[in-house]
């Protein structure tokens, strides 16, 4: 008889443990969903992940490609080889974004020039944007996604 009570006790402890674990997981999942980050377009560090359906690669020892849109409508960034500067205009209510006067420094990087040209070409085609969580999607005037970027926090 004692062994039956002992078995029931162990079973009860296991059930309680599983119930508590399940409740905690649901709560954590709800918190993650409710407090999903939406990084601001302006002054965020946007790491380039994909441009024109091509993954942006970072070689060992190389800096990653990124852009930052400053409050004074100035663009700052890096192509993986050269510094990017320029200006932008934005209408946040309509999610319209255009880049203007793009300039790049002239350091020679034969291995990453194709990527750099791809990035500069993409920036000049941007028409609209969408932020979803920590991702920034840049769109061409035909509503095609031409770049995917991720907010990086330091």
Foldseek 3Di string as FASTA:
>chain_A
DVVVVVVVVVVVVVVVVVVVVVVVVVVVVVVCVVCQAFDDQAQFKWFWQAFQNHGFDADPPWDTWTWHQYPVQWIWIQQSFWIWIFGWDADVVVQFIATPDIDTDDGDDPVRPVSSVRVVVRRRQFTGWDTDRQKIFTAGPVRDTRTIIGTDDD
